């Protein structure tokens, strides 16, 4: 079990941390929640049936840990909405030139700011599908939804993001910049 646990930790630790950080938007809290995820993994790995990938299973546990965290909070729905200030996230890219980094940072910050207009479920779908590259089937399995619900939620969230990004660029005086959000 130790070698399997170590392998899971090495392969997915950063992804799980990043997902939880985006959900709670607090580094220390995300680190605590990651520990809780791996405690649950350690306790329940023998019940893992292999019906999904290990990554999907881990994200499913991480999502449940985040939900449990918010439920314990007073006014958890409002706190969830208040937790998302995407302007403080950092972009990690190995080879871009400085000009590309600047453009990427601005575009990514715009997307994160616009995600404030999405529901929590819509944010979860966007994070799992586009940040963590899960398939629709894996996302459905992680969230405990049907694939149809994931597709619908994804469509609605992309529609909101597109509208908000267009509004953002219009406000910034960049009306001529065409905004495309697609997968």
Protein backbone atom coordinates (compact mmCIF):
# COMPACT_ATOMS: atom_id res chain seq x y z
CA UNK A 1 0.00 0.00 0.00
CA UNK A 2 2.82 2.43 0.83
CA UNK A 3 4.31 2.26 -2.66
CA UNK A 4 0.87 2.68 -4.25
CA UNK A 5 0.12 5.59 -1.94
CA UNK A 6 3.49 7.20 -2.71
CA UNK A 7 2.90 6.76 -6.43
CA UNK A 8 -0.55 8.37 -6.21
CA UNK A 9 0.88 11.22 -4.19
CA UNK A 10 3.74 11.84 -6.61
CA UNK A 11 1.53 11.68 -9.71
CA UNK A 12 -1.41 13.76 -8.55
CA UNK A 13 -0.42 15.86 -5.54
CA UNK A 14 0.05 19.08 -7.53
CA UNK A 15 -3.22 18.63 -9.44
CA UNK A 16 -5.20 17.95 -6.27
CA UNK A 17 -3.60 20.90 -4.50
CA UNK A 18 -4.30 23.20 -7.45
CA UNK A 19 -7.93 22.08 -7.62
CA UNK A 20 -8.45 22.67 -3.91
CA UNK A 21 -6.63 25.99 -4.02
CA UNK A 22 -8.96 27.18 -6.79
CA UNK A 23 -11.92 26.05 -4.72
CA UNK A 24 -10.96 27.60 -1.34
CA UNK A 25 -8.51 30.27 -2.56
CA UNK A 26 -6.34 29.96 0.51
CA UNK A 27 -2.95 28.25 0.31
CA UNK A 28 -2.83 27.05 3.91
CA UNK A 29 -6.39 25.79 3.83
CA UNK A 30 -5.77 24.02 0.52
CA UNK A 31 -2.71 22.31 2.02
CA UNK A 32 -4.80 21.15 4.98
CA UNK A 33 -7.51 19.88 2.65
CA UNK A 34 -4.95 18.00 0.54
CA UNK A 35 -3.85 16.21 3.68
CA UNK A 36 -7.48 15.33 4.39
CA UNK A 37 -7.82 13.97 0.83
CA UNK A 38 -4.81 11.69 1.28
CA UNK A 39 -6.00 10.57 4.72
CA UNK A 40 -9.27 9.51 3.08
CA UNK A 41 -7.35 7.86 0.23
CA UNK A 42 -5.20 5.94 2.71
CA UNK A 43 -8.24 4.78 4.68
CA UNK A 44 -10.33 3.80 1.67
CA UNK A 45 -7.90 2.64 -1.03
CA UNK A 46 -8.78 -0.99 -0.34
CA UNK A 47 -12.38 -0.14 -1.36
CA UNK A 48 -11.27 1.43 -4.66
CA UNK A 49 -12.81 -0.82 -7.28
CA UNK A 50 -11.03 0.55 -10.33
CA UNK A 51 -14.28 1.48 -12.09
CA UNK A 52 -12.74 4.90 -12.76
CA UNK A 53 -9.19 6.13 -13.11
CA UNK A 54 -7.26 6.89 -9.96
CA UNK A 55 -7.15 10.56 -10.98
CA UNK A 56 -10.94 10.71 -11.27
CA UNK A 57 -11.29 8.98 -7.93
CA UNK A 58 -8.88 11.45 -6.29
CA UNK A 59 -10.70 14.48 -7.70
CA UNK A 60 -13.97 13.01 -6.51
CA UNK A 61 -12.55 12.75 -2.99
CA UNK A 62 -11.06 16.27 -3.26
CA UNK A 63 -14.41 17.68 -4.31
CA UNK A 64 -16.13 16.01 -1.37
CA UNK A 65 -13.47 17.29 1.03
CA UNK A 66 -14.00 20.83 -0.31
CA UNK A 67 -17.78 20.50 0.05
CA UNK A 68 -17.36 19.23 3.61
CA UNK A 69 -15.09 22.19 4.36
CA UNK A 70 -17.64 24.69 3.05
CA UNK A 71 -20.49 22.97 4.88
CA UNK A 72 -18.62 23.41 8.14
CA UNK A 73 -18.32 27.13 7.48
CA UNK A 74 -21.00 29.57 8.57
CA UNK A 75 -22.83 30.81 5.50
CA UNK A 76 -20.82 28.46 3.29
CA UNK A 77 -22.53 29.38 0.03
CA UNK A 78 -21.66 33.03 0.46
CA UNK A 79 -18.11 32.13 1.51
CA UNK A 80 -17.68 30.01 -1.60
CA UNK A 81 -18.65 32.96 -3.75
CA UNK A 82 -16.34 35.28 -1.80
CA UNK A 83 -13.37 32.91 -2.08
CA UNK A 84 -12.86 33.37 -5.81
CA UNK A 85 -10.48 36.23 -6.58
CA UNK A 86 -8.59 34.85 -9.53
CA UNK A 87 -6.31 37.87 -9.94
CA UNK A 88 -3.77 36.39 -7.51
CA UNK A 89 -3.14 33.13 -9.36
CA UNK A 90 0.16 32.56 -11.06
CA UNK A 91 0.78 31.08 -14.47
CA UNK A 92 3.44 28.42 -14.85
CA UNK A 93 4.85 28.02 -18.35
CA UNK A 94 8.25 26.57 -19.20
CA UNK A 95 9.25 28.24 -22.47
CA UNK A 96 7.24 31.36 -23.37
CA UNK A 97 8.92 34.63 -24.14
CA UNK A 98 8.24 37.59 -21.81
CA UNK A 99 5.70 39.18 -24.16
CA UNK A 100 3.77 35.93 -24.34
CA UNK A 101 3.81 35.65 -20.56
CA UNK A 102 2.35 39.14 -20.23
CA UNK A 103 -0.44 38.41 -22.70
CA UNK A 104 -1.15 35.01 -21.10
CA UNK A 105 -1.27 36.53 -17.62
CA UNK A 106 -3.74 39.18 -18.72
CA UNK A 107 -5.94 36.69 -20.56
CA UNK A 108 -5.90 34.15 -17.74
CA UNK A 109 -6.64 36.82 -15.14
CA UNK A 110 -9.56 37.93 -17.29
CA UNK A 111 -10.91 34.36 -17.43
CA UNK A 112 -10.55 33.96 -13.67
CA UNK A 113 -12.29 37.27 -13.01
CA UNK A 114 -15.10 36.28 -15.34
CA UNK A 115 -15.48 32.92 -13.56
CA UNK A 116 -16.89 34.87 -10.61
CA UNK A 117 -20.12 35.04 -12.61
CA UNK A 118 -20.37 31.25 -12.86
CA UNK A 119 -22.02 29.04 -10.27
CA UNK A 120 -19.90 26.75 -8.12
CA UNK A 121 -20.91 23.75 -10.25
CA UNK A 122 -19.97 25.63 -13.42
CA UNK A 123 -16.57 26.54 -11.93
CA UNK A 124 -15.96 22.93 -10.93
CA UNK A 125 -16.69 21.77 -14.47
CA UNK A 126 -14.41 24.42 -15.99
CA UNK A 127 -11.60 23.54 -13.58
CA UNK A 128 -11.88 19.80 -14.12
CA UNK A 129 -12.34 19.97 -17.90
CA UNK A 130 -9.94 22.72 -18.88
CA UNK A 131 -7.38 23.07 -16.09
CA UNK A 132 -7.07 19.39 -15.21
CA UNK A 133 -7.92 18.03 -18.67
CA UNK A 134 -10.48 15.47 -17.54
CA UNK A 135 -12.77 14.07 -20.19
CA UNK A 136 -16.51 14.59 -20.02
CA UNK A 137 -16.91 11.02 -18.75
CA UNK A 138 -14.22 11.49 -16.08
CA UNK A 139 -15.74 14.83 -15.03
CA UNK A 140 -19.18 13.23 -14.78
CA UNK A 141 -17.79 10.43 -12.68
CA UNK A 142 -15.87 12.86 -10.45
CA UNK A 143 -18.92 15.02 -9.83
CA UNK A 144 -21.38 12.13 -9.64
CA UNK A 145 -23.35 13.53 -12.56
CA UNK A 146 -24.49 12.27 -15.93
CA UNK A 147 -22.40 13.14 -18.97
CA UNK A 148 -25.36 15.13 -20.26
CA UNK A 149 -25.36 17.31 -17.13
CA UNK A 150 -21.61 17.93 -17.50
CA UNK A 151 -22.07 18.93 -21.16
CA UNK A 152 -24.96 21.24 -20.31
CA UNK A 153 -23.12 22.82 -17.37
CA UNK A 154 -19.99 23.23 -19.50
CA UNK A 155 -21.99 24.86 -22.28
CA UNK A 156 -23.65 27.27 -19.89
CA UNK A 157 -20.40 28.16 -18.14
CA UNK A 158 -18.61 28.82 -21.44
CA UNK A 159 -21.53 30.98 -22.54
CA UNK A 160 -21.27 33.02 -19.33
CA UNK A 161 -17.48 33.26 -19.64
CA UNK A 162 -17.71 34.40 -23.26
CA UNK A 163 -20.29 37.08 -22.42
CA UNK A 164 -18.37 38.32 -19.39
CA UNK A 165 -15.04 38.37 -21.26
CA UNK A 166 -16.59 40.38 -24.08
CA UNK A 167 -17.98 42.81 -21.51
CA UNK A 168 -14.60 42.96 -19.77
CA UNK A 169 -12.73 43.73 -23.00
CA UNK A 170 -15.29 46.36 -23.96
CA UNK A 171 -14.78 48.05 -20.60
CA UNK A 172 -11.01 47.86 -21.06
CA UNK A 173 -11.27 49.57 -24.45
CA UNK A 174 -10.33 46.48 -26.37
CA UNK A 175 -13.58 46.19 -28.31
CA UNK A 176 -11.83 45.03 -31.45
CA UNK A 177 -10.30 42.03 -29.71
CA UNK A 178 -12.36 38.95 -30.53
CA UNK A 179 -12.88 36.73 -27.51
CA UNK A 180 -13.11 33.02 -28.13
CA UNK A 181 -13.81 30.46 -25.46
CA UNK A 182 -14.08 26.98 -26.81
CA UNK A 183 -12.82 23.48 -26.30
